[in-house]
PDB file of N, CA and C in Angstrom:
ATOM      1  N   UNK A   1      29.729  91.200  14.560  1.00  0.00           N
ATOM      2  CA  UNK A   1      29.612  91.512  15.974  1.00  0.00           C
ATOM      3  C   UNK A   1      30.986  91.443  16.624  1.00  0.00           C
ATOM      4  N   UNK A   2      31.191  92.319  17.574  1.00  0.00           N
ATOM      5  CA  UNK A   2      32.445  92.367  18.303  1.00  0.00           C
ATOM      6  C   UNK A   2      32.177  92.005  19.752  1.00  0.00           C
ATOM      7  N   UNK A   3      32.954  91.094  20.285  1.00  0.00           N
ATOM      8  CA  UNK A   3      32.817  90.702  21.691  1.00  0.00           C
ATOM      9  C   UNK A   3      33.615  91.671  22.546  1.00  0.00           C
ATOM     10  N   UNK A   4      32.999  92.145  23.639  1.00  0.00           N
ATOM     11  CA  UNK A   4      33.669  93.074  24.544  1.00  0.00           C
ATOM     12  C   UNK A   4      33.399  92.646  25.972  1.00  0.00           C
ATOM     13  N   UNK A   5      34.450  92.595  26.770  1.00  0.00           N
ATOM     14  CA  UNK A   5      34.308  92.310  28.192  1.00  0.00           C
ATOM     15  C   UNK A   5      35.057  93.405  28.926  1.00  0.00           C
ATOM     16  N   UNK A   6      34.364  94.121  29.775  1.00  0.00           N
ATOM     17  CA  UNK A   6      34.986  95.204  30.516  1.00  0.00           C
ATOM     18  C   UNK A   6      34.221  95.495  31.787  1.00  0.00           C
ATOM     19  N   UNK A   7      34.614  96.545  32.498  1.00  0.00           N
ATOM     20  CA  UNK A   7      33.992  96.831  33.789  1.00  0.00           C
ATOM     21  C   UNK A   7      32.519  97.238  33.689  1.00  0.00           C
ATOM     22  N   UNK A   8      32.091  97.745  32.546  1.00  0.00           N
ATOM     23  CA  UNK A   8      30.730  98.241  32.438  1.00  0.00           C
ATOM     24  C   UNK A   8      29.857  97.483  31.461  1.00  0.00           C
ATOM     25  N   UNK A   9      30.427  96.571  30.715  1.00  0.00           N
ATOM     26  CA  UNK A   9      29.648  95.883  29.680  1.00  0.00           C
ATOM     27  C   UNK A   9      30.289  94.546  29.377  1.00  0.00           C
ATOM     28  N   UNK A  10      29.481  93.517  29.271  1.00  0.00           N
ATOM     29  CA  UNK A  10      29.968  92.200  28.876  1.00  0.00           C
ATOM     30  C   UNK A  10      29.018  91.677  27.809  1.00  0.00           C
ATOM     31  N   UNK A  11      29.543  91.241  26.708  1.00  0.00           N
ATOM     32  CA  UNK A  11      28.705  90.671  25.665  1.00  0.00           C
ATOM     33  C   UNK A  11      29.103  91.165  24.305  1.00  0.00           C
ATOM     34  N   UNK A  12      28.202  90.990  23.367  1.00  0.00           N
ATOM     35  CA  UNK A  12      28.473  91.447  22.014  1.00  0.00           C
ATOM     36  C   UNK A  12      27.973  92.865  21.845  1.00  0.00           C
ATOM     37  N   UNK A  13      28.665  93.622  21.029  1.00  0.00           N
ATOM     38  CA  UNK A  13      28.244  94.984  20.757  1.00  0.00           C
ATOM     39  C   UNK A  13      26.950  94.941  19.953  1.00  0.00           C
ATOM     40  N   UNK A  14      26.058  95.869  20.213  1.00  0.00           N
ATOM     41  CA  UNK A  14      24.773  95.839  19.520  1.00  0.00           C
ATOM     42  C   UNK A  14      24.921  96.039  18.016  1.00  0.00           C
ATOM     43  N   UNK A  15      24.096  95.364  17.271  1.00  0.00           N
ATOM     44  CA  UNK A  15      24.081  95.498  15.817  1.00  0.00           C
ATOM     45  C   UNK A  15      22.971  96.481  15.475  1.00  0.00           C
ATOM     46  N   UNK A  16      23.295  97.743  15.444  1.00  0.00           N
ATOM     47  CA  UNK A  16      22.300  98.798  15.269  1.00  0.00           C
ATOM     48  C   UNK A  16      22.560  99.565  13.980  1.00  0.00           C
ATOM     49  N   UNK A  17      21.579 100.327  13.515  1.00  0.00           N
ATOM     50  CA  UNK A  17      21.712 101.020  12.232  1.00  0.00           C
ATOM     51  C   UNK A  17      22.885 101.984  12.121  1.00  0.00           C
ATOM     52  N   UNK A  18      23.373 102.563  13.249  1.00  0.00           N
ATOM     53  CA  UNK A  18      24.482 103.505  13.077  1.00  0.00           C
ATOM     54  C   UNK A  18      25.752 102.842  12.580  1.00  0.00           C
ATOM     55  N   UNK A  19      25.815 101.513  12.562  1.00  0.00           N
ATOM     56  CA  UNK A  19      26.972 100.853  11.983  1.00  0.00           C
ATOM     57  C   UNK A  19      27.013 100.982  10.462  1.00  0.00           C
ATOM     58  N   UNK A  20      25.967 101.550   9.873  1.00  0.00           N
ATOM     59  CA  UNK A  20      26.003 101.879   8.447  1.00  0.00           C
ATOM     60  C   UNK A  20      26.903 103.086   8.203  1.00  0.00           C
ATOM     61  N   UNK A  21      27.168 103.868   9.248  1.00  0.00           N
ATOM     62  CA  UNK A  21      28.055 105.029   9.188  1.00  0.00           C
ATOM     63  C   UNK A  21      29.463 104.611   9.603  1.00  0.00           C
ATOM     64  N   UNK A  22      30.485 105.383   9.196  1.00  0.00           N
ATOM     65  CA  UNK A  22      31.832 105.128   9.726  1.00  0.00           C
ATOM     66  C   UNK A  22      31.820 105.359  11.241  1.00  0.00           C
ATOM     67  N   UNK A  23      31.951 104.275  12.015  1.00  0.00           N
ATOM     68  CA  UNK A  23      31.738 104.300  13.461  1.00  0.00           C
ATOM     69  C   UNK A  23      32.975 103.809  14.203  1.00  0.00           C
ATOM     70  N   UNK A  24      33.280 104.473  15.320  1.00  0.00           N
ATOM     71  CA  UNK A  24      34.322 103.990  16.234  1.00  0.00           C
ATOM     72  C   UNK A  24      33.634 103.547  17.518  1.00  0.00           C
ATOM     73  N   UNK A  25      33.916 102.333  17.965  1.00  0.00           N
ATOM     74  CA  UNK A  25      33.450 101.859  19.263  1.00  0.00           C
ATOM     75  C   UNK A  25      34.463 102.295  20.306  1.00  0.00           C
ATOM     76  N   UNK A  26      34.014 103.082  21.268  1.00  0.00           N
ATOM     77  CA  UNK A  26      34.903 103.610  22.301  1.00  0.00           C
ATOM     78  C   UNK A  26      34.848 102.662  23.492  1.00  0.00           C
ATOM     79  N   UNK A  27      35.981 102.034  23.800  1.00  0.00           N
ATOM     80  CA  UNK A  27      36.044 101.020  24.842  1.00  0.00           C
ATOM     81  C   UNK A  27      36.947 101.415  26.008  1.00  0.00           C
ATOM     82  N   UNK A  28      37.398 102.680  26.033  1.00  0.00           N
ATOM     83  CA  UNK A  28      38.245 103.151  27.129  1.00  0.00           C
ATOM     84  C   UNK A  28      38.234 104.677  27.149  1.00  0.00           C
ATOM     85  N   UNK A  29      38.650 105.248  28.255  1.00  0.00           N
ATOM     86  CA  UNK A  29      38.779 106.699  28.374  1.00  0.00           C
ATOM     87  C   UNK A  29      40.004 107.172  27.611  1.00  0.00           C
ATOM     88  N   UNK A  30      39.995 108.454  27.240  1.00  0.00           N
ATOM     89  CA  UNK A  30      41.152 109.041  26.596  1.00  0.00           C
ATOM     90  C   UNK A  30      40.772 109.847  25.375  1.00  0.00           C
ATOM     91  N   UNK A  31      41.785 110.244  24.597  1.00  0.00           N
ATOM     92  CA  UNK A  31      41.527 111.055  23.406  1.00  0.00           C
ATOM     93  C   UNK A  31      41.043 110.204  22.232  1.00  0.00           C
ATOM     94  N   UNK A  32      40.242 110.826  21.381  1.00  0.00           N
ATOM     95  CA  UNK A  32      39.790 110.173  20.147  1.00  0.00           C
ATOM     96  C   UNK A  32      39.931 111.168  19.006  1.00  0.00           C
ATOM     97  N   UNK A  33      40.499 110.705  17.918  1.00  0.00           N
ATOM     98  CA  UNK A  33      40.594 111.520  16.710  1.00  0.00           C
ATOM     99  C   UNK A  33      39.412 111.137  15.821  1.00  0.00           C
ATOM    100  N   UNK A  34      38.450 112.054  15.609  1.00  0.00           N
ATOM    101  CA  UNK A  34      37.249 111.718  14.859  1.00  0.00           C
ATOM    102  C   UNK A  34      37.382 111.869  13.347  1.00  0.00           C
ATOM    103  N   UNK A  35      38.614 111.987  12.843  1.00  0.00           N
ATOM    104  CA  UNK A  35      38.802 112.130  11.398  1.00  0.00           C
ATOM    105  C   UNK A  35      38.152 110.955  10.673  1.00  0.00           C
ATOM    106  N   UNK A  36      37.403 111.265   9.646  1.00  0.00           N
ATOM    107  CA  UNK A  36      36.734 110.271   8.795  1.00  0.00           C
ATOM    108  C   UNK A  36      35.666 109.453   9.520  1.00  0.00           C
ATOM    109  N   UNK A  37      35.202 109.929  10.669  1.00  0.00           N
ATOM    110  CA  UNK A  37      34.154 109.229  11.404  1.00  0.00           C
ATOM    111  C   UNK A  37      32.853 110.024  11.352  1.00  0.00           C
ATOM    112  N   UNK A  38      31.747 109.306  11.423  1.00  0.00           N
ATOM    113  CA  UNK A  38      30.426 109.933  11.508  1.00  0.00           C
ATOM    114  C   UNK A  38      29.731 109.588  12.811  1.00  0.00           C
ATOM    115  N   UNK A  39      30.222 108.558  13.508  1.00  0.00           N
ATOM    116  CA  UNK A  39      29.554 108.098  14.721  1.00  0.00           C
ATOM    117  C   UNK A  39      30.571 107.637  15.753  1.00  0.00           C
ATOM    118  N   UNK A  40      30.321 108.024  17.016  1.00  0.00           N
ATOM    119  CA  UNK A  40      31.088 107.517  18.148  1.00  0.00           C
ATOM    120  C   UNK A  40      30.126 106.733  19.027  1.00  0.00           C
ATOM    121  N   UNK A  41      30.386 105.456  19.222  1.00  0.00           N
ATOM    122  CA  UNK A  41      29.571 104.582  20.055  1.00  0.00           C
ATOM    123  C   UNK A  41      30.345 104.345  21.347  1.00  0.00           C
ATOM    124  N   UNK A  42      29.932 105.000  22.428  1.00  0.00           N
ATOM    125  CA  UNK A  42      30.653 104.928  23.695  1.00  0.00           C
ATOM    126  C   UNK A  42      30.039 103.814  24.539  1.00  0.00           C
ATOM    127  N   UNK A  43      30.835 102.807  24.829  1.00  0.00           N
ATOM    128  CA  UNK A  43      30.340 101.595  25.476  1.00  0.00           C
ATOM    129  C   UNK A  43      30.904 101.513  26.888  1.00  0.00           C
ATOM    130  N   UNK A  44      30.518 102.451  27.734  1.00  0.00           N
ATOM    131  CA  UNK A  44      30.980 102.451  29.120  1.00  0.00           C
ATOM    132  C   UNK A  44      31.015 103.860  29.668  1.00  0.00           C
ATOM    133  N   UNK A  45      31.295 103.960  30.938  1.00  0.00           N
ATOM    134  CA  UNK A  45      31.345 105.250  31.629  1.00  0.00           C
ATOM    135  C   UNK A  45      32.691 105.912  31.483  1.00  0.00           C
ATOM    136  N   UNK A  46      33.048 106.225  30.271  1.00  0.00           N
ATOM    137  CA  UNK A  46      34.382 106.722  29.978  1.00  0.00           C
ATOM    138  C   UNK A  46      34.423 108.244  29.878  1.00  0.00           C
ATOM    139  N   UNK A  47      35.593 108.809  30.091  1.00  0.00           N
ATOM    140  CA  UNK A  47      35.852 110.237  29.892  1.00  0.00           C
ATOM    141  C   UNK A  47      36.569 110.355  28.556  1.00  0.00           C
ATOM    142  N   UNK A  48      35.929 111.023  27.613  1.00  0.00           N
ATOM    143  CA  UNK A  48      36.423 111.085  26.244  1.00  0.00           C
ATOM    144  C   UNK A  48      36.792 112.513  25.883  1.00  0.00           C
ATOM    145  N   UNK A  49      37.992 112.700  25.336  1.00  0.00           N
ATOM    146  CA  UNK A  49      38.425 113.995  24.821  1.00  0.00           C
ATOM    147  C   UNK A  49      38.470 113.896  23.306  1.00  0.00           C
ATOM    148  N   UNK A  50      37.646 114.701  22.642  1.00  0.00           N
ATOM    149  CA  UNK A  50      37.575 114.690  21.186  1.00  0.00           C
ATOM    150  C   UNK A  50      38.605 115.676  20.643  1.00  0.00           C
ATOM    151  N   UNK A  51      39.486 115.197  19.781  1.00  0.00           N
ATOM    152  CA  UNK A  51      40.526 116.052  19.207  1.00  0.00           C
ATOM    153  C   UNK A  51      39.922 116.923  18.104  1.00  0.00           C
ATOM    154  N   UNK A  52      39.960 118.216  18.314  1.00  0.00           N
ATOM    155  CA  UNK A  52      39.387 119.148  17.340  1.00  0.00           C
ATOM    156  C   UNK A  52      40.182 119.157  16.034  1.00  0.00           C
ATOM    157  N   UNK A  53      41.451 118.791  16.085  1.00  0.00           N
ATOM    158  CA  UNK A  53      42.266 118.769  14.865  1.00  0.00           C
ATOM    159  C   UNK A  53      41.770 117.717  13.876  1.00  0.00           C
ATOM    160  N   UNK A  54      41.027 116.727  14.357  1.00  0.00           N
ATOM    161  CA  UNK A  54      40.482 115.694  13.489  1.00  0.00           C
ATOM    162  C   UNK A  54      39.106 116.016  12.934  1.00  0.00           C
ATOM    163  N   UNK A  55      38.553 117.168  13.347  1.00  0.00           N
ATOM    164  CA  UNK A  55      37.229 117.586  12.884  1.00  0.00           C
ATOM    165  C   UNK A  55      37.351 118.584  11.744  1.00  0.00           C
ATOM    166  N   UNK A  56      36.503 118.441  10.746  1.00  0.00           N
ATOM    167  CA  UNK A  56      36.436 119.402   9.649  1.00  0.00           C
ATOM    168  C   UNK A  56      35.246 120.325   9.904  1.00  0.00           C
ATOM    169  N   UNK A  57      35.355 121.583   9.459  1.00  0.00           N
ATOM    170  CA  UNK A  57      34.220 122.500   9.589  1.00  0.00           C
ATOM    171  C   UNK A  57      32.988 121.873   8.964  1.00  0.00           C
ATOM    172  N   UNK A  58      31.902 121.952   9.628  1.00  0.00           N
ATOM    173  CA  UNK A  58      30.583 121.421   9.279  1.00  0.00           C
ATOM    174  C   UNK A  58      30.497 119.896   9.377  1.00  0.00           C
ATOM    175  N   UNK A  59      31.557 119.229   9.867  1.00  0.00           N
ATOM    176  CA  UNK A  59      31.474 117.778  10.067  1.00  0.00           C
ATOM    177  C   UNK A  59      30.409 117.491  11.118  1.00  0.00           C
ATOM    178  N   UNK A  60      29.560 116.519  10.837  1.00  0.00           N
ATOM    179  CA  UNK A  60      28.506 116.115  11.761  1.00  0.00           C
ATOM    180  C   UNK A  60      28.903 114.807  12.426  1.00  0.00           C
ATOM    181  N   UNK A  61      28.676 114.744  13.746  1.00  0.00           N
ATOM    182  CA  UNK A  61      28.954 113.537  14.512  1.00  0.00           C
ATOM    183  C   UNK A  61      27.690 113.079  15.229  1.00  0.00           C
ATOM    184  N   UNK A  62      27.423 111.807  15.147  1.00  0.00           N
ATOM    185  CA  UNK A  62      26.381 111.158  15.930  1.00  0.00           C
ATOM    186  C   UNK A  62      27.106 110.471  17.070  1.00  0.00           C
ATOM    187  N   UNK A  63      26.771 110.838  18.311  1.00  0.00           N
ATOM    188  CA  UNK A  63      27.457 110.275  19.472  1.00  0.00           C
ATOM    189  C   UNK A  63      26.406 109.583  20.338  1.00  0.00           C
ATOM    190  N   UNK A  64      26.642 108.312  20.652  1.00  0.00           N
ATOM    191  CA  UNK A  64      25.683 107.545  21.447  1.00  0.00           C
ATOM    192  C   UNK A  64      26.395 106.851  22.604  1.00  0.00           C
ATOM    193  N   UNK A  65      25.666 106.677  23.698  1.00  0.00           N
ATOM    194  CA  UNK A  65      26.166 105.948  24.864  1.00  0.00           C
ATOM    195  C   UNK A  65      25.358 104.668  24.984  1.00  0.00           C
ATOM    196  N   UNK A  66      25.966 103.543  24.645  1.00  0.00           N
ATOM    197  CA  UNK A  66      25.248 102.272  24.651  1.00  0.00           C
ATOM    198  C   UNK A  66      25.708 101.332  25.765  1.00  0.00           C
ATOM    199  N   UNK A  67      26.557 101.806  26.667  1.00  0.00           N
ATOM    200  CA  UNK A  67      27.106 100.936  27.699  1.00  0.00           C
ATOM    201  C   UNK A  67      26.324 100.872  28.986  1.00  0.00           C
ATOM    202  N   UNK A  68      25.184 101.569  29.054  1.00  0.00           N
ATOM    203  CA  UNK A  68      24.367 101.499  30.256  1.00  0.00           C
ATOM    204  C   UNK A  68      24.757 102.464  31.354  1.00  0.00           C
ATOM    205  N   UNK A  69      25.821 103.242  31.151  1.00  0.00           N
ATOM    206  CA  UNK A  69      26.243 104.251  32.125  1.00  0.00           C
ATOM    207  C   UNK A  69      26.618 105.525  31.378  1.00  0.00           C
ATOM    208  N   UNK A  70      26.599 106.647  32.098  1.00  0.00           N
ATOM    209  CA  UNK A  70      26.918 107.936  31.481  1.00  0.00           C
ATOM    210  C   UNK A  70      28.396 108.034  31.130  1.00  0.00           C
ATOM    211  N   UNK A  71      28.677 108.802  30.082  1.00  0.00           N
ATOM    212  CA  UNK A  71      30.051 109.091  29.663  1.00  0.00           C
ATOM    213  C   UNK A  71      30.213 110.609  29.625  1.00  0.00           C
ATOM    214  N   UNK A  72      31.442 111.091  29.799  1.00  0.00           N
ATOM    215  CA  UNK A  72      31.684 112.531  29.711  1.00  0.00           C
ATOM    216  C   UNK A  72      32.508 112.830  28.463  1.00  0.00           C
ATOM    217  N   UNK A  73      32.173 113.958  27.831  1.00  0.00           N
ATOM    218  CA  UNK A  73      32.819 114.372  26.591  1.00  0.00           C
ATOM    219  C   UNK A  73      33.337 115.788  26.737  1.00  0.00           C
ATOM    220  N   UNK A  74      34.486 116.048  26.136  1.00  0.00           N
ATOM    221  CA  UNK A  74      34.987 117.421  26.038  1.00  0.00           C
ATOM    222  C   UNK A  74      35.827 117.541  24.782  1.00  0.00           C
ATOM    223  N   UNK A  75      36.017 118.769  24.340  1.00  0.00           N
ATOM    224  CA  UNK A  75      36.890 119.055  23.202  1.00  0.00           C
ATOM    225  C   UNK A  75      38.262 119.463  23.716  1.00  0.00           C
ATOM    226  N   UNK A  76      39.311 119.074  23.023  1.00  0.00           N
ATOM    227  CA  UNK A  76      40.667 119.403  23.467  1.00  0.00           C
ATOM    228  C   UNK A  76      41.034 120.867  23.259  1.00  0.00           C
ATOM    229  N   UNK A  77      40.241 121.600  22.454  1.00  0.00           N
ATOM    230  CA  UNK A  77      40.559 122.999  22.172  1.00  0.00           C
ATOM    231  C   UNK A  77      39.861 123.968  23.119  1.00  0.00           C
ATOM    232  N   UNK A  78      39.174 123.443  24.130  1.00  0.00           N
ATOM    233  CA  UNK A  78      38.456 124.298  25.074  1.00  0.00           C
ATOM    234  C   UNK A  78      37.076 124.701  24.586  1.00  0.00           C
ATOM    235  N   UNK A  79      36.678 124.224  23.416  1.00  0.00           N
ATOM    236  CA  UNK A  79      35.350 124.509  22.893  1.00  0.00           C
ATOM    237  C   UNK A  79      34.276 123.778  23.673  1.00  0.00           C
ATOM    238  N   UNK A  80      33.036 124.026  23.310  1.00  0.00           N
ATOM    239  CA  UNK A  80      31.921 123.417  24.015  1.00  0.00           C
ATOM    240  C   UNK A  80      31.231 122.359  23.155  1.00  0.00           C
ATOM    241  N   UNK A  81      30.514 121.496  23.825  1.00  0.00           N
ATOM    242  CA  UNK A  81      29.662 120.499  23.176  1.00  0.00           C
ATOM    243  C   UNK A  81      28.247 120.792  23.637  1.00  0.00           C
ATOM    244  N   UNK A  82      27.411 121.196  22.703  1.00  0.00           N
ATOM    245  CA  UNK A  82      26.038 121.611  23.014  1.00  0.00           C
ATOM    246  C   UNK A  82      26.009 122.637  24.143  1.00  0.00           C
ATOM    247  N   UNK A  83      26.958 123.582  24.103  1.00  0.00           N
ATOM    248  CA  UNK A  83      27.008 124.679  25.062  1.00  0.00           C
ATOM    249  C   UNK A  83      27.670 124.355  26.388  1.00  0.00           C
ATOM    250  N   UNK A  84      28.193 123.157  26.551  1.00  0.00           N
ATOM    251  CA  UNK A  84      28.803 122.762  27.821  1.00  0.00           C
ATOM    252  C   UNK A  84      30.276 122.417  27.618  1.00  0.00           C
ATOM    253  N   UNK A  85      31.126 122.872  28.546  1.00  0.00           N
ATOM    254  CA  UNK A  85      32.556 122.563  28.428  1.00  0.00           C
ATOM    255  C   UNK A  85      32.819 121.076  28.657  1.00  0.00           C
ATOM    256  N   UNK A  86      32.072 120.466  29.559  1.00  0.00           N
ATOM    257  CA  UNK A  86      32.104 119.012  29.742  1.00  0.00           C
ATOM    258  C   UNK A  86      30.663 118.536  29.622  1.00  0.00           C
ATOM    259  N   UNK A  87      30.409 117.712  28.620  1.00  0.00           N
ATOM    260  CA  UNK A  87      29.059 117.237  28.340  1.00  0.00           C
ATOM    261  C   UNK A  87      28.893 115.827  28.897  1.00  0.00           C
ATOM    262  N   UNK A  88      27.854 115.614  29.681  1.00  0.00           N
ATOM    263  CA  UNK A  88      27.553 114.279  30.196  1.00  0.00           C
ATOM    264  C   UNK A  88      26.519 113.637  29.284  1.00  0.00           C
ATOM    265  N   UNK A  89      26.917 112.549  28.663  1.00  0.00           N
ATOM    266  CA  UNK A  89      26.050 111.815  27.752  1.00  0.00           C
ATOM    267  C   UNK A  89      25.438 110.647  28.513  1.00  0.00           C
ATOM    268  N   UNK A  90      24.130 110.726  28.715  1.00  0.00           N
ATOM    269  CA  UNK A  90      23.428 109.691  29.478  1.00  0.00           C
ATOM    270  C   UNK A  90      23.196 108.460  28.619  1.00  0.00           C
ATOM    271  N   UNK A  91      23.091 107.299  29.256  1.00  0.00           N
ATOM    272  CA  UNK A  91      22.867 106.064  28.498  1.00  0.00           C
ATOM    273  C   UNK A  91      21.593 106.149  27.660  1.00  0.00           C
ATOM    274  N   UNK A  92      21.698 105.673  26.440  1.00  0.00           N
ATOM    275  CA  UNK A  92      20.552 105.689  25.544  1.00  0.00           C
ATOM    276  C   UNK A  92      20.342 107.003  24.823  1.00  0.00           C
ATOM    277  N   UNK A  93      21.111 108.021  25.179  1.00  0.00           N
ATOM    278  CA  UNK A  93      20.994 109.330  24.546  1.00  0.00           C
ATOM    279  C   UNK A  93      21.694 109.319  23.193  1.00  0.00           C
ATOM    280  N   UNK A  94      21.068 109.972  22.236  1.00  0.00           N
ATOM    281  CA  UNK A  94      21.678 110.153  20.925  1.00  0.00           C
ATOM    282  C   UNK A  94      21.957 111.641  20.768  1.00  0.00           C
ATOM    283  N   UNK A  95      23.208 111.996  20.589  1.00  0.00           N
ATOM    284  CA  UNK A  95      23.626 113.383  20.432  1.00  0.00           C
ATOM    285  C   UNK A  95      24.089 113.587  18.995  1.00  0.00           C
ATOM    286  N   UNK A  96      23.433 114.483  18.284  1.00  0.00           N
ATOM    287  CA  UNK A  96      23.811 114.803  16.907  1.00  0.00           C
ATOM    288  C   UNK A  96      24.326 116.233  16.903  1.00  0.00           C
ATOM    289  N   UNK A  97      25.616 116.411  16.596  1.00  0.00           N
ATOM    290  CA  UNK A  97      26.249 117.729  16.653  1.00  0.00           C
ATOM    291  C   UNK A  97      27.061 117.982  15.384  1.00  0.00           C
ATOM    292  N   UNK A  98      27.294 119.275  15.121  1.00  0.00           N
ATOM    293  CA  UNK A  98      28.087 119.676  13.968  1.00  0.00           C
ATOM    294  C   UNK A  98      29.183 120.616  14.431  1.00  0.00           C
ATOM    295  N   UNK A  99      30.377 120.440  13.883  1.00  0.00           N
ATOM    296  CA  UNK A  99      31.533 121.256  14.254  1.00  0.00           C
ATOM    297  C   UNK A  99      31.507 122.575  13.494  1.00  0.00           C
ATOM    298  N   UNK A 100      31.690 123.680  14.229  1.00  0.00           N
ATOM    299  CA  UNK A 100      31.667 125.012  13.608  1.00  0.00           C
ATOM    300  C   UNK A 100      33.056 125.650  13.531  1.00  0.00           C
ATOM    301  N   UNK A 101      34.089 124.860  13.762  1.00  0.00           N
ATOM    302  CA  UNK A 101      35.456 125.374  13.767  1.00  0.00           C
ATOM    303  C   UNK A 101      36.012 125.510  15.178  1.00  0.00           C
ATOM    304  N   UNK A 102      35.112 125.612  16.173  1.00  0.00           N
ATOM    305  CA  UNK A 102      35.509 125.713  17.564  1.00  0.00           C
ATOM    306  C   UNK A 102      34.697 124.781  18.453  1.00  0.00           C
ATOM    307  N   UNK A 103      33.392 124.746  18.222  1.00  0.00           N
ATOM    308  CA  UNK A 103      32.460 124.015  19.096  1.00  0.00           C
ATOM    309  C   UNK A 103      31.698 122.947  18.322  1.00  0.00           C
ATOM    310  N   UNK A 104      31.149 122.008  19.090  1.00  0.00           N
ATOM    311  CA  UNK A 104      30.193 121.037  18.539  1.00  0.00           C
ATOM    312  C   UNK A 104      28.802 121.452  19.001  1.00  0.00           C
ATOM    313  N   UNK A 105      27.971 121.860  18.068  1.00  0.00           N
ATOM    314  CA  UNK A 105      26.610 122.319  18.393  1.00  0.00           C
ATOM    315  C   UNK A 105      25.585 121.487  17.677  1.00  0.00           C
TER     316      UNK A 105
END
């Protein structure tokens, strides 16, 4: 378990099944390189830019918002996430997407 104290969440990070996958806990806004990752666990109302250079064609990402507030996602290459240029991920939502070389669908 990892202890986190921040503006949107205080306590230990949840011990959930997606930790069986290579997972990054997102604790701040900014860019993320998803190379070698299968899951992004966003723990707060952060604005996240996913670097397309770190994605491989057909790479699948499980993206979850566990911080109790919505987070926004976008790709740095101008591509879309589930058809949206800026995707709002609501708390408790599980988004499963695959990279097609330009977009996450």
